[in-house]
Amino acid sequence: MNVPVMAYVQESIAPEMMGKVFSLLMTAMTLSMPIGLLVAGPVVEVIGVNTWFFWSGVALIVNAVLCLIVTRRYDKVTMKPQVD
């Protein structure tokens, strides 16, 4: 699990629910790894490794841009002035 996800969960979830949420997230991530391999293996056999890496890179860039757009919009909505 990466740091931004952990920070988001810790800020968003009630302390008494954190154990359940983290265990659910870890279970989902653990289950997604073999599923990803089951999908990637046959696809790479058909289209080749270079093509797979290219389209995986494109998908990662698109995902990063979408996450940036969504998080900026979320930050504008939820940003509250800091009171010192």
Protein backbone atom coordinates (compact mmCIF):
# COMPACT_ATOMS: atom_id res chain seq x y z
CA MET A 1 0.00 0.00 0.00
CA ASN A 2 1.42 3.39 -0.88
CA VAL A 3 1.81 6.39 1.39
CA PRO A 4 -0.90 8.65 -0.13
CA VAL A 5 -3.51 5.91 0.18
CA MET A 6 -2.55 5.21 3.78
CA ALA A 7 -2.67 8.93 4.62
CA TYR A 8 -6.05 9.33 2.94
CA VAL A 9 -7.49 6.33 4.80
CA GLN A 10 -6.13 7.55 8.12
CA GLU A 11 -7.66 10.99 7.61
CA SER A 12 -11.00 9.74 6.28
CA ILE A 13 -11.83 6.71 8.41
CA ALA A 14 -12.86 6.68 12.05
CA PRO A 15 -10.11 5.21 14.27
CA GLU A 16 -12.29 2.30 15.39
CA MET A 17 -12.82 1.25 11.74
CA MET A 18 -9.19 1.54 10.54
CA GLY A 19 -8.27 -2.07 11.22
CA LYS A 20 -11.19 -3.36 9.18
CA VAL A 21 -10.57 -0.91 6.33
CA PHE A 22 -6.84 -1.66 6.16
CA SER A 23 -7.46 -5.40 6.19
CA LEU A 24 -10.02 -5.03 3.40
CA LEU A 25 -7.60 -2.92 1.34
CA MET A 26 -4.74 -5.38 1.87
CA THR A 27 -6.98 -8.31 0.93
CA ALA A 28 -8.10 -6.54 -2.25
CA MET A 29 -4.50 -5.72 -3.20
CA THR A 30 -3.30 -9.23 -2.47
CA LEU A 31 -6.08 -10.76 -4.57
CA SER A 32 -5.51 -8.34 -7.44
CA MET A 33 -1.90 -9.43 -7.99
CA PRO A 34 -2.58 -12.96 -9.27
CA ILE A 35 -5.60 -11.70 -11.22
CA GLY A 36 -3.34 -9.18 -12.96
CA LEU A 37 -0.87 -11.92 -13.83
CA LEU A 38 -3.66 -14.14 -15.17
CA VAL A 39 -4.75 -11.32 -17.47
CA ALA A 40 -1.29 -10.08 -18.45
CA GLY A 41 0.20 -13.47 -19.32
CA PRO A 42 -2.15 -14.41 -22.17
CA VAL A 43 -2.31 -10.82 -23.45
CA VAL A 44 1.50 -10.62 -23.65
CA GLU A 45 1.58 -13.93 -25.51
CA VAL A 46 -0.74 -12.48 -28.16
CA ILE A 47 0.49 -8.89 -28.54
CA GLY A 48 4.13 -9.14 -27.41
CA VAL A 49 6.08 -7.67 -24.53
CA ASN A 50 7.01 -4.36 -26.20
CA THR A 51 3.42 -3.59 -27.12
CA TRP A 52 2.27 -4.56 -23.62
CA PHE A 53 4.81 -2.23 -22.01
CA PHE A 54 3.85 0.61 -24.35
CA TRP A 55 0.11 0.34 -23.64
CA SER A 56 0.73 -0.21 -19.92
CA GLY A 57 2.73 3.02 -19.91
CA VAL A 58 -0.03 4.86 -21.75
CA ALA A 59 -2.59 3.54 -19.26
CA LEU A 60 -0.42 4.64 -16.32
CA ILE A 61 0.00 8.14 -17.74
CA VAL A 62 -3.74 8.48 -18.40
CA ASN A 63 -4.47 7.21 -14.89
CA ALA A 64 -2.00 9.68 -13.37
CA VAL A 65 -3.55 12.61 -15.26
CA LEU A 66 -7.07 11.57 -14.24
CA CYS A 67 -6.00 11.21 -10.60
CA LEU A 68 -4.39 14.65 -10.73
CA ILE A 69 -7.58 16.19 -12.13
CA VAL A 70 -9.83 14.44 -9.61
CA THR A 71 -7.63 15.25 -6.61
CA ARG A 72 -7.29 18.90 -7.58
CA ARG A 73 -11.06 19.17 -7.91
CA TYR A 74 -11.45 17.38 -4.56
CA ASP A 75 -8.90 19.70 -2.93
CA LYS A 76 -10.77 22.78 -4.16
CA VAL A 77 -14.01 21.48 -2.67
CA THR A 78 -12.59 20.33 0.66
CA MET A 79 -9.81 22.86 1.20
CA LYS A 80 -10.46 24.87 4.32
CA PRO A 81 -8.36 27.81 5.47
CA GLN A 82 -5.83 26.95 8.16
CA VAL A 83 -6.46 28.73 11.45
CA ASP A 84 -3.34 29.23 13.56
